[in-house]
């Protein structure tokens, strides 16, 4: 059971970091809204 919880935490951390990198890499405000929305959901 703990392995499943750890796997979900790792997957969540991966998506959080990917969204944060996407926010930094986008050129303008409106482009940054897309990874921010993906990061939230």
PDB file of N, CA and C in Angstrom:
ATOM      1  N   UNK A   1       0.822  -1.196   0.000  1.00  0.00           N
ATOM      2  CA  UNK A   1       0.000   0.000   0.000  1.00  0.00           C
ATOM      3  C   UNK A   1       0.868   1.264   0.000  1.00  0.00           C
ATOM      4  N   UNK A   2       1.939   1.257   0.762  1.00  0.00           N
ATOM      5  CA  UNK A   2       2.812   2.425   0.808  1.00  0.00           C
ATOM      6  C   UNK A   2       3.494   2.673  -0.530  1.00  0.00           C
ATOM      7  N   UNK A   3       3.771   1.618  -1.272  1.00  0.00           N
ATOM      8  CA  UNK A   3       4.418   1.772  -2.574  1.00  0.00           C
ATOM      9  C   UNK A   3       3.494   2.515  -3.535  1.00  0.00           C
ATOM     10  N   UNK A   4       2.215   2.229  -3.482  1.00  0.00           N
ATOM     11  CA  UNK A   4       1.248   2.911  -4.346  1.00  0.00           C
ATOM     12  C   UNK A   4       1.178   4.397  -3.993  1.00  0.00           C
ATOM     13  N   UNK A   5       1.167   4.702  -2.719  1.00  0.00           N
ATOM     14  CA  UNK A   5       1.115   6.096  -2.277  1.00  0.00           C
ATOM     15  C   UNK A   5       2.368   6.836  -2.720  1.00  0.00           C
ATOM     16  N   UNK A   6       3.516   6.219  -2.566  1.00  0.00           N
ATOM     17  CA  UNK A   6       4.773   6.841  -2.993  1.00  0.00           C
ATOM     18  C   UNK A   6       4.781   7.054  -4.500  1.00  0.00           C
ATOM     19  N   UNK A   7       4.263   6.095  -5.267  1.00  0.00           N
ATOM     20  CA  UNK A   7       4.208   6.239  -6.724  1.00  0.00           C
ATOM     21  C   UNK A   7       3.319   7.419  -7.112  1.00  0.00           C
ATOM     22  N   UNK A   8       2.168   7.571  -6.467  1.00  0.00           N
ATOM     23  CA  UNK A   8       1.289   8.708  -6.764  1.00  0.00           C
ATOM     24  C   UNK A   8       1.956  10.033  -6.404  1.00  0.00           C
ATOM     25  N   UNK A   9       2.675  10.064  -5.300  1.00  0.00           N
ATOM     26  CA  UNK A   9       3.381  11.286  -4.922  1.00  0.00           C
ATOM     27  C   UNK A   9       4.466  11.644  -5.933  1.00  0.00           C
ATOM     28  N   UNK A  10       5.187  10.643  -6.412  1.00  0.00           N
ATOM     29  CA  UNK A  10       6.236  10.885  -7.410  1.00  0.00           C
ATOM     30  C   UNK A  10       5.626  11.384  -8.711  1.00  0.00           C
ATOM     31  N   UNK A  11       4.521  10.771  -9.152  1.00  0.00           N
ATOM     32  CA  UNK A  11       3.855  11.229 -10.373  1.00  0.00           C
ATOM     33  C   UNK A  11       3.349  12.665 -10.209  1.00  0.00           C
ATOM     34  N   UNK A  12       2.774  12.978  -9.067  1.00  0.00           N
ATOM     35  CA  UNK A  12       2.301  14.338  -8.817  1.00  0.00           C
ATOM     36  C   UNK A  12       3.431  15.346  -8.803  1.00  0.00           C
ATOM     37  N   UNK A  13       4.547  14.969  -8.204  1.00  0.00           N
ATOM     38  CA  UNK A  13       5.712  15.847  -8.182  1.00  0.00           C
ATOM     39  C   UNK A  13       6.248  16.076  -9.584  1.00  0.00           C
ATOM     40  N   UNK A  14       6.249  15.030 -10.414  1.00  0.00           N
ATOM     41  CA  UNK A  14       6.707  15.169 -11.795  1.00  0.00           C
ATOM     42  C   UNK A  14       5.841  16.166 -12.556  1.00  0.00           C
ATOM     43  N   UNK A  15       4.520  16.051 -12.446  1.00  0.00           N
ATOM     44  CA  UNK A  15       3.635  16.966 -13.157  1.00  0.00           C
ATOM     45  C   UNK A  15       3.752  18.388 -12.619  1.00  0.00           C
ATOM     46  N   UNK A  16       3.950  18.520 -11.320  1.00  0.00           N
ATOM     47  CA  UNK A  16       4.127  19.848 -10.740  1.00  0.00           C
ATOM     48  C   UNK A  16       5.390  20.508 -11.271  1.00  0.00           C
ATOM     49  N   UNK A  17       6.486  19.760 -11.317  1.00  0.00           N
ATOM     50  CA  UNK A  17       7.738  20.318 -11.829  1.00  0.00           C
ATOM     51  C   UNK A  17       7.657  20.616 -13.318  1.00  0.00           C
ATOM     52  N   UNK A  18       7.004  19.748 -14.075  1.00  0.00           N
ATOM     53  CA  UNK A  18       6.849  19.985 -15.512  1.00  0.00           C
ATOM     54  C   UNK A  18       6.031  21.250 -15.757  1.00  0.00           C
ATOM     55  N   UNK A  19       4.990  21.469 -14.993  1.00  0.00           N
ATOM     56  CA  UNK A  19       4.191  22.683 -15.137  1.00  0.00           C
ATOM     57  C   UNK A  19       4.959  23.931 -14.733  1.00  0.00           C
ATOM     58  N   UNK A  20       5.748  23.827 -13.680  1.00  0.00           N
ATOM     59  CA  UNK A  20       6.545  24.973 -13.246  1.00  0.00           C
ATOM     60  C   UNK A  20       7.589  25.339 -14.296  1.00  0.00           C
ATOM     61  N   UNK A  21       8.212  24.344 -14.895  1.00  0.00           N
ATOM     62  CA  UNK A  21       9.182  24.606 -15.965  1.00  0.00           C
ATOM     63  C   UNK A  21       8.477  25.216 -17.171  1.00  0.00           C
ATOM     64  N   UNK A  22       7.288  24.744 -17.475  1.00  0.00           N
ATOM     65  CA  UNK A  22       6.518  25.301 -18.581  1.00  0.00           C
ATOM     66  C   UNK A  22       6.159  26.759 -18.361  1.00  0.00           C
ATOM     67  N   UNK A  23       5.844  27.124 -17.130  1.00  0.00           N
ATOM     68  CA  UNK A  23       5.529  28.522 -16.825  1.00  0.00           C
ATOM     69  C   UNK A  23       6.753  29.402 -17.056  1.00  0.00           C
ATOM     70  N   UNK A  24       7.912  28.935 -16.657  1.00  0.00           N
ATOM     71  CA  UNK A  24       9.136  29.722 -16.804  1.00  0.00           C
ATOM     72  C   UNK A  24       9.534  29.862 -18.270  1.00  0.00           C
ATOM     73  N   UNK A  25       9.326  28.824 -19.065  1.00  0.00           N
ATOM     74  CA  UNK A  25       9.806  28.822 -20.444  1.00  0.00           C
ATOM     75  C   UNK A  25       8.916  29.570 -21.425  1.00  0.00           C
ATOM     76  N   UNK A  26       7.656  29.811 -21.091  1.00  0.00           N
ATOM     77  CA  UNK A  26       6.755  30.466 -22.036  1.00  0.00           C
ATOM     78  C   UNK A  26       7.087  31.957 -22.144  1.00  0.00           C
ATOM     79  N   UNK A  27       6.908  32.530 -23.350  1.00  0.00           N
ATOM     80  CA  UNK A  27       7.394  33.892 -23.587  1.00  0.00           C
ATOM     81  C   UNK A  27       6.532  35.020 -23.016  1.00  0.00           C
ATOM     82  N   UNK A  28       5.215  34.866 -22.989  1.00  0.00           N
ATOM     83  CA  UNK A  28       4.389  35.973 -22.520  1.00  0.00           C
ATOM     84  C   UNK A  28       3.313  35.473 -21.556  1.00  0.00           C
ATOM     85  N   UNK A  29       2.559  36.430 -21.016  1.00  0.00           N
ATOM     86  CA  UNK A  29       1.584  36.120 -19.969  1.00  0.00           C
ATOM     87  C   UNK A  29       0.527  35.132 -20.435  1.00  0.00           C
ATOM     88  N   UNK A  30      -0.018  35.346 -21.618  1.00  0.00           N
ATOM     89  CA  UNK A  30      -1.112  34.498 -22.088  1.00  0.00           C
ATOM     90  C   UNK A  30      -0.633  33.082 -22.406  1.00  0.00           C
ATOM     91  N   UNK A  31       0.596  32.953 -22.849  1.00  0.00           N
ATOM     92  CA  UNK A  31       1.147  31.615 -23.071  1.00  0.00           C
ATOM     93  C   UNK A  31       1.407  30.906 -21.750  1.00  0.00           C
ATOM     94  N   UNK A  32       1.712  31.660 -20.718  1.00  0.00           N
ATOM     95  CA  UNK A  32       1.978  31.060 -19.404  1.00  0.00           C
ATOM     96  C   UNK A  32       0.711  30.563 -18.721  1.00  0.00           C
ATOM     97  N   UNK A  33      -0.436  31.030 -19.176  1.00  0.00           N
ATOM     98  CA  UNK A  33      -1.687  30.565 -18.577  1.00  0.00           C
ATOM     99  C   UNK A  33      -1.944  29.089 -18.864  1.00  0.00           C
ATOM    100  N   UNK A  34      -1.488  28.601 -20.009  1.00  0.00           N
ATOM    101  CA  UNK A  34      -1.742  27.201 -20.365  1.00  0.00           C
ATOM    102  C   UNK A  34      -1.030  26.226 -19.415  1.00  0.00           C
ATOM    103  N   UNK A  35       0.292  26.320 -19.208  1.00  0.00           N
ATOM    104  CA  UNK A  35       0.902  25.386 -18.247  1.00  0.00           C
ATOM    105  C   UNK A  35       0.422  25.612 -16.817  1.00  0.00           C
ATOM    106  N   UNK A  36       0.044  26.844 -16.495  1.00  0.00           N
ATOM    107  CA  UNK A  36      -0.477  27.095 -15.148  1.00  0.00           C
ATOM    108  C   UNK A  36      -1.800  26.367 -14.945  1.00  0.00           C
ATOM    109  N   UNK A  37      -2.626  26.330 -15.980  1.00  0.00           N
ATOM    110  CA  UNK A  37      -3.888  25.592 -15.894  1.00  0.00           C
ATOM    111  C   UNK A  37      -3.669  24.100 -15.814  1.00  0.00           C
ATOM    112  N   UNK A  38      -2.704  23.598 -16.557  1.00  0.00           N
ATOM    113  CA  UNK A  38      -2.384  22.172 -16.498  1.00  0.00           C
ATOM    114  C   UNK A  38      -1.790  21.806 -15.149  1.00  0.00           C
ATOM    115  N   UNK A  39      -1.029  22.717 -14.586  1.00  0.00           N
ATOM    116  CA  UNK A  39      -0.413  22.468 -13.289  1.00  0.00           C
ATOM    117  C   UNK A  39      -1.471  22.362 -12.198  1.00  0.00           C
ATOM    118  N   UNK A  40      -2.511  23.143 -12.311  1.00  0.00           N
ATOM    119  CA  UNK A  40      -3.553  23.173 -11.287  1.00  0.00           C
ATOM    120  C   UNK A  40      -4.429  21.927 -11.319  1.00  0.00           C
ATOM    121  N   UNK A  41      -4.654  21.376 -12.499  1.00  0.00           N
ATOM    122  CA  UNK A  41      -5.565  20.237 -12.584  1.00  0.00           C
ATOM    123  C   UNK A  41      -4.841  18.987 -12.531  1.00  0.00           C
TER     124      UNK A  41
END
